[in-house]
Amino acid sequence: MKLLVTGGAGYVGSVCAARLVESGHEVVVLDDLSTGHADAAPDGVRLVEAGIDDAIGDLLAEGFDGVLHFAAKSLVGESMLDPAKYWQGNVVTSLRLLDAMREHGTPRLVFSSTAATYGEPEQVPIAETAPTRPTNTYGATKLAIDHAITSYAAAHGLAAVSLRYFNVAGAYGRFGERHGVETHLIPIVLQVASGRRERVQVYGDDWPTDDGTCVRDYIHVVDLADAHLRALEHAAAGEHRIYNLGNGLGFSVKQVIDACREVTGHPIPADVAPRRAGDPAVLVASSEKARTELGWKPERVDLAGIVRDAWDFTRSQQGA
């Protein structure tokens, strides 16, 4: 298939684009490089350096079999301070993408959504039937896009799948996390090991969990990319299917830090800080629906292995 990957020079998008190329697809990456990197576009793809607003109509006029939509603003804290940036950059831009797909007859869409659409869960693991009550602007914008996709699928026959997940981690060779503002735990801890930070903060050690620290779901970026490929294959005309993705386990902050110490051989000093408002004790997604309907299951669930891939990438960037 000929496929367009928006945000394909970012972390998850670049890995997905690489896996698509390896699977024999023709891939075009559209990325304005505001947070992505030109050298993250995989070999064998055509990189169009532009935003969706500027280029989507002309691009889709070439004729595509589908779009994988990763391009988004994704910093939770920033979304609360500058909501207009997120409603414009996520929702308005996605509506323009949907309109261009309708105009040019692009039949398939796989949307990189988020489990932040659920907010603070009543039950864990979180199933797709859980109430959607996002607690931040970022999650609210992603939920709004999901609603729009549902409408377009019903009205225009779009074959669409949304994938909701929490924490992506690990790396795939030369493709890994390179954020200007880092908010993810594993790369933050590895910054201590690589000398870019002195210590890591643990927000509370008195949570109702086995070791007192928060538990979160971590999914390897390659497993996540492979789920996007399966979603593309299973998309059905006129339907919008939603799947949660997770490793099925969940790891505590302490477990993550200990795994980073083991892999890097660095002591990684950690300080306990006060809890952050709005942090649930446990966030883990159920992937049973994806396992059943997509035939997908995570293969890279070992925490040390996830950290090792991320650490290899971190060291490769230091030597660059």
Protein backbone atom coordinates (compact mmCIF):
# COMPACT_ATOMS: atom_id res chain seq x y z
CA MET A 1 0.00 0.00 0.00
CA LYS A 2 0.97 3.63 -0.41
CA LEU A 3 0.77 5.17 3.04
CA LEU A 4 1.16 8.63 4.54
CA VAL A 5 2.63 8.86 8.05
CA THR A 6 2.02 12.23 9.70
CA GLY A 7 4.58 12.95 12.41
CA GLY A 8 6.76 10.20 10.97
CA ALA A 9 9.99 11.93 12.00
CA GLY A 10 9.03 11.73 15.67
CA TYR A 11 9.65 8.92 18.13
CA VAL A 12 6.73 6.55 17.58
CA GLY A 13 6.04 7.69 14.02
CA SER A 14 9.59 7.00 12.86
CA VAL A 15 9.56 3.45 14.25
CA CYS A 16 6.18 2.80 12.64
CA ALA A 17 7.41 4.20 9.32
CA ALA A 18 10.46 1.95 9.50
CA ARG A 19 8.32 -1.13 10.16
CA LEU A 20 6.02 -0.20 7.27
CA VAL A 21 8.97 0.04 4.88
CA GLU A 22 10.27 -3.31 6.12
CA SER A 23 6.83 -4.78 5.39
CA GLY A 24 7.04 -3.65 1.77
CA HIS A 25 4.81 -0.58 1.83
CA GLU A 26 5.50 2.68 0.00
CA VAL A 27 5.78 5.35 2.70
CA VAL A 28 5.64 9.14 2.64
CA VAL A 29 6.40 10.99 5.90
CA LEU A 30 4.82 14.39 6.55
CA ASP A 31 6.44 16.25 9.44
CA ASP A 32 7.06 19.95 10.14
CA LEU A 33 10.06 18.95 12.31
CA SER A 34 8.85 21.16 15.18
CA THR A 35 9.55 18.24 17.51
CA GLY A 36 10.73 15.58 15.05
CA HIS A 37 14.13 15.14 13.43
CA ALA A 38 14.88 14.86 9.73
CA ASP A 39 17.43 12.10 10.35
CA ALA A 40 14.73 10.05 12.09
CA ALA A 41 12.89 9.56 8.81
CA PRO A 42 13.74 5.97 7.83
CA ASP A 43 15.67 5.05 4.71
CA GLY A 44 13.35 4.41 1.81
CA VAL A 45 10.69 6.99 2.71
CA ARG A 46 9.97 10.35 1.09
CA LEU A 47 10.10 13.11 3.71
CA VAL A 48 7.88 16.12 3.15
CA GLU A 49 8.92 18.86 5.56
CA ALA A 50 5.65 20.72 6.12
CA GLY A 51 2.67 20.91 8.41
CA ILE A 52 -0.67 19.24 7.77
CA ASP A 53 -2.32 22.61 7.21
CA ASP A 54 0.17 23.50 4.49
CA ALA A 55 0.51 20.28 2.54
CA ILE A 56 -2.20 17.72 3.23
CA GLY A 57 -4.46 18.48 0.27
CA ASP A 58 -1.73 18.41 -2.37
CA LEU A 59 -0.22 15.27 -0.86
CA LEU A 60 -3.41 13.22 -0.66
CA ALA A 61 -4.27 14.27 -4.22
CA GLU A 62 -1.43 11.96 -5.28
CA GLY A 63 -3.54 9.01 -4.14
CA PHE A 64 -2.94 7.06 -0.92
CA ASP A 65 -4.31 3.83 0.47
CA GLY A 66 -4.20 5.07 4.05
CA VAL A 67 -2.92 7.52 6.66
CA LEU A 68 -1.28 6.79 10.00
CA HIS A 69 -1.73 9.95 12.05
CA PHE A 70 0.90 10.57 14.75
CA ALA A 71 1.39 14.34 14.40
CA ALA A 72 0.24 16.05 17.62
CA LYS A 73 1.11 18.31 20.51
CA SER A 74 1.58 15.99 23.47
CA LEU A 75 2.87 17.72 26.62
CA VAL A 76 0.24 17.41 29.33
CA GLY A 77 1.50 20.32 31.43
CA GLU A 78 1.79 22.64 28.45
CA SER A 79 -1.72 21.69 27.35
CA MET A 80 -3.09 23.10 30.59
CA LEU A 81 -1.12 26.34 30.29
CA ASP A 82 -1.72 26.93 26.58
CA PRO A 83 -4.93 25.11 25.64
CA ALA A 84 -5.40 27.03 22.38
CA LYS A 85 -2.18 25.51 21.05
CA TYR A 86 -3.63 22.04 21.64
CA TRP A 87 -7.16 22.62 20.37
CA GLN A 88 -5.72 24.22 17.25
CA GLY A 89 -2.71 21.95 16.78
CA ASN A 90 -4.50 18.69 17.53
CA VAL A 91 -8.22 19.04 16.84
CA VAL A 92 -8.42 21.66 14.09
CA THR A 93 -5.48 20.13 12.25
CA SER A 94 -6.99 16.64 12.48
CA LEU A 95 -10.29 17.93 11.09
CA ARG A 96 -8.39 19.31 8.10
CA LEU A 97 -6.79 15.91 7.65
CA LEU A 98 -10.18 14.17 7.78
CA ASP A 99 -11.66 16.60 5.26
CA ALA A 100 -8.73 16.10 2.89
CA MET A 101 -9.07 12.32 3.20
CA ARG A 102 -12.77 12.58 2.37
CA GLU A 103 -12.13 14.90 -0.58
CA HIS A 104 -9.47 12.66 -2.12
CA GLY A 105 -11.02 9.31 -1.26
CA THR A 106 -8.31 8.09 1.12
CA PRO A 107 -9.99 5.01 2.61
CA ARG A 108 -8.09 4.12 5.81
CA LEU A 109 -6.95 5.89 8.95
CA VAL A 110 -5.03 4.65 11.98
CA PHE A 111 -4.98 7.28 14.71
CA SER A 112 -2.42 7.42 17.51
CA SER A 113 -4.73 8.22 20.42
CA THR A 114 -4.01 7.99 24.14
CA ALA A 115 -5.25 6.32 27.30
CA ALA A 116 -5.30 9.85 28.77
CA THR A 117 -8.80 10.00 27.27
CA TYR A 118 -9.97 7.95 30.28
CA GLY A 119 -8.70 10.27 33.00
CA GLU A 120 -8.55 8.73 36.46
CA PRO A 121 -9.90 5.19 36.10
CA GLU A 122 -12.49 3.54 38.29
CA GLN A 123 -11.00 0.11 37.56
CA VAL A 124 -7.68 -1.22 36.32
CA PRO A 125 -6.70 -2.65 33.94
CA ILE A 126 -8.62 -0.09 31.88
CA ALA A 127 -10.93 -1.54 29.23
CA GLU A 128 -12.35 0.27 26.19
CA THR A 129 -15.73 0.36 27.93
CA ALA A 130 -14.36 2.59 30.73
CA PRO A 131 -15.83 6.10 30.98
CA THR A 132 -13.85 8.75 29.07
CA ARG A 133 -13.24 11.64 31.46
CA PRO A 134 -9.90 13.24 30.58
CA THR A 135 -8.34 15.36 33.31
CA ASN A 136 -6.16 17.50 31.05
CA THR A 137 -6.46 19.40 27.80
CA TYR A 138 -4.20 17.00 25.93
CA GLY A 139 -6.46 14.04 26.69
CA ALA A 140 -9.55 16.11 25.91
CA THR A 141 -8.25 17.04 22.46
CA LYS A 142 -7.44 13.43 21.63
CA LEU A 143 -10.92 12.36 22.74
CA ALA A 144 -12.46 15.08 20.57
CA ILE A 145 -10.54 13.73 17.57
CA ASP A 146 -11.81 10.23 18.33
CA HIS A 147 -15.39 11.56 18.31
CA ALA A 148 -14.77 13.27 14.96
CA ILE A 149 -13.34 10.09 13.47
CA THR A 150 -16.43 8.16 14.58
CA SER A 151 -18.64 10.67 12.77
CA TYR A 152 -16.58 10.61 9.57
CA ALA A 153 -16.52 6.83 9.52
CA ALA A 154 -20.31 6.64 9.83
CA ALA A 155 -21.02 9.42 7.31
CA HIS A 156 -18.35 8.81 4.69
CA GLY A 157 -17.39 5.13 4.96
CA LEU A 158 -13.94 5.78 6.41
CA ALA A 159 -12.19 2.67 7.74
CA ALA A 160 -10.66 3.89 11.01
CA VAL A 161 -8.88 2.54 14.06
CA SER A 162 -7.75 4.47 17.15
CA LEU A 163 -5.07 3.04 19.42
CA ARG A 164 -4.95 4.20 23.05
CA TYR A 165 -1.86 3.59 25.17
CA PHE A 166 0.08 5.08 28.07
CA ASN A 167 3.87 5.05 28.22
CA VAL A 168 5.90 4.13 25.15
CA ALA A 169 9.48 3.11 25.86
CA GLY A 170 12.52 1.43 24.36
CA ALA A 171 14.06 2.06 20.97
CA TYR A 172 14.51 0.43 17.58
CA GLY A 173 18.09 0.71 16.43
CA ARG A 174 18.68 4.35 15.49
CA PHE A 175 15.09 5.32 16.26
CA GLY A 176 14.43 6.43 19.85
CA GLU A 177 13.26 9.22 22.12
CA ARG A 178 14.73 12.67 21.50
CA HIS A 179 12.43 15.23 23.09
CA GLY A 180 13.35 18.87 23.65
CA VAL A 181 11.33 18.74 26.86
CA GLU A 182 11.55 15.28 28.39
CA THR A 183 8.64 14.18 30.57
CA HIS A 184 8.89 10.38 30.33
CA LEU A 185 10.32 8.45 33.25
CA ILE A 186 12.72 6.04 31.55
CA PRO A 187 14.61 8.66 29.48
CA ILE A 188 14.70 10.99 32.49
CA VAL A 189 16.28 8.25 34.62
CA LEU A 190 18.74 7.44 31.83
CA GLN A 191 19.70 11.11 31.69
CA VAL A 192 21.03 10.66 35.22
CA ALA A 193 23.03 7.62 34.13
CA SER A 194 24.46 9.53 31.16
CA GLY A 195 25.44 12.57 33.26
CA ARG A 196 22.80 14.99 31.96
CA ARG A 197 20.95 15.11 35.30
CA GLU A 198 22.22 14.73 38.83
CA ARG A 199 19.24 12.92 40.37
CA VAL A 200 15.74 11.71 39.68
CA GLN A 201 12.66 12.64 41.67
CA VAL A 202 10.11 10.09 42.86
CA TYR A 203 6.73 11.72 43.41
CA GLY A 204 5.55 9.95 46.55
CA ASP A 205 6.56 6.65 48.14
CA ASP A 206 3.37 6.08 50.14
CA TRP A 207 0.98 5.05 47.38
CA PRO A 208 -1.24 1.97 47.88
CA THR A 209 1.04 -0.24 45.75
CA ASP A 210 3.45 -3.05 46.58
CA ASP A 211 6.47 -0.76 46.99
CA GLY A 212 4.71 2.56 47.63
CA THR A 213 5.49 4.13 44.24
CA CYS A 214 3.11 4.67 41.33
CA VAL A 215 2.59 1.86 38.83
CA ARG A 216 2.41 2.61 35.11
CA ASP A 217 2.00 0.65 31.91
CA TYR A 218 5.02 0.57 29.59
CA ILE A 219 4.81 -0.70 26.03
CA HIS A 220 7.84 -1.23 23.81
CA VAL A 221 7.81 1.11 20.81
CA VAL A 222 8.25 -1.80 18.37
CA ASP A 223 5.25 -3.64 19.81
CA LEU A 224 3.29 -0.41 19.48
CA ALA A 225 4.36 0.10 15.87
CA ASP A 226 3.38 -3.47 15.04
CA ALA A 227 -0.07 -2.84 16.51
CA HIS A 228 -0.47 0.06 14.07
CA LEU A 229 0.35 -2.25 11.17
CA ARG A 230 -2.21 -4.79 12.36
CA ALA A 231 -4.79 -2.04 12.82
CA LEU A 232 -4.22 -0.92 9.25
CA GLU A 233 -4.94 -4.45 8.02
CA HIS A 234 -8.09 -4.83 10.13
CA ALA A 235 -9.69 -1.44 9.47
CA ALA A 236 -13.23 -1.89 8.10
CA ALA A 237 -15.11 0.60 5.91
CA GLY A 238 -17.70 2.62 7.82
CA GLU A 239 -16.37 1.57 11.22
CA HIS A 240 -14.26 3.29 13.84
CA ARG A 241 -12.69 0.71 16.14
CA ILE A 242 -10.89 1.64 19.34
CA TYR A 243 -8.28 -0.51 21.06
CA ASN A 244 -6.29 -0.07 24.26
CA LEU A 245 -2.69 -1.24 24.18
CA GLY A 246 -0.49 -2.16 27.12
CA ASN A 247 2.01 -4.70 28.32
CA GLY A 248 -0.54 -6.27 30.65
CA LEU A 249 1.73 -5.88 33.66
CA GLY A 250 2.58 -2.40 34.84
CA PHE A 251 5.83 -1.43 36.55
CA SER A 252 6.37 0.81 39.57
CA VAL A 253 8.61 3.87 39.54
CA LYS A 254 11.00 2.02 41.87
CA GLN A 255 11.11 -0.97 39.54
CA VAL A 256 11.95 1.30 36.61
CA ILE A 257 14.77 3.01 38.52
CA ASP A 258 16.14 -0.33 39.72
CA ALA A 259 16.07 -1.70 36.14
CA CYS A 260 17.95 1.38 34.93
CA ARG A 261 20.56 0.89 37.66
CA GLU A 262 20.97 -2.74 36.65
CA VAL A 263 21.30 -2.03 32.93
CA THR A 264 23.56 1.03 33.16
CA GLY A 265 25.65 0.12 36.20
CA HIS A 266 25.05 3.66 37.50
CA PRO A 267 23.78 4.23 41.08
CA ILE A 268 21.16 6.78 39.88
CA PRO A 269 20.45 8.81 43.03
CA ALA A 270 16.71 9.28 43.66
CA ASP A 271 14.93 11.70 45.97
CA VAL A 272 11.38 11.33 47.22
CA ALA A 273 9.26 14.40 46.45
CA PRO A 274 5.62 15.17 47.38
CA ARG A 275 2.89 13.52 45.38
CA ARG A 276 1.68 15.40 42.31
CA ALA A 277 -1.97 16.40 42.27
CA GLY A 278 -4.05 14.19 39.98
CA ASP A 279 -1.60 11.28 39.84
CA PRO A 280 -3.47 7.97 40.16
CA ALA A 281 -1.68 5.17 42.00
CA VAL A 282 -2.02 2.66 39.16
CA LEU A 283 -2.58 3.13 35.42
CA VAL A 284 -2.56 -0.04 33.35
CA ALA A 285 -4.42 -0.65 30.09
CA SER A 286 -6.16 -3.90 29.17
CA SER A 287 -5.22 -5.21 25.71
CA GLU A 288 -7.66 -8.12 25.60
CA LYS A 289 -9.74 -6.62 22.79
CA ALA A 290 -6.64 -5.99 20.66
CA ARG A 291 -5.43 -9.52 21.32
CA THR A 292 -8.77 -10.99 20.29
CA GLU A 293 -9.64 -8.83 17.27
CA LEU A 294 -6.22 -7.78 15.92
CA GLY A 295 -4.28 -10.88 16.92
CA TRP A 296 -1.77 -8.57 18.59
CA LYS A 297 0.11 -9.16 21.79
CA PRO A 298 3.22 -7.45 23.16
CA GLU A 299 6.37 -9.49 22.66
CA ARG A 300 8.92 -7.23 24.40
CA VAL A 301 7.54 -7.09 27.94
CA ASP A 302 10.76 -7.54 29.92
CA LEU A 303 11.48 -4.25 31.69
CA ALA A 304 15.26 -4.69 31.60
CA GLY A 305 15.08 -5.37 27.88
CA ILE A 306 13.01 -2.23 27.28
CA VAL A 307 15.49 -0.17 29.29
CA ARG A 308 18.47 -1.77 27.54
CA ASP A 309 17.16 -0.75 24.12
CA ALA A 310 16.59 2.81 25.35
CA TRP A 311 20.06 2.90 26.94
CA ASP A 312 21.74 1.69 23.75
CA PHE A 313 20.01 4.49 21.86
CA THR A 314 20.96 7.08 24.51
CA ARG A 315 24.63 6.09 24.27
CA SER A 316 24.52 6.16 20.46
CA GLN A 317 23.28 9.74 20.61
CA GLN A 318 26.09 10.73 22.96
CA GLY A 319 28.60 9.38 20.48
CA ALA A 320 26.95 11.11 17.53
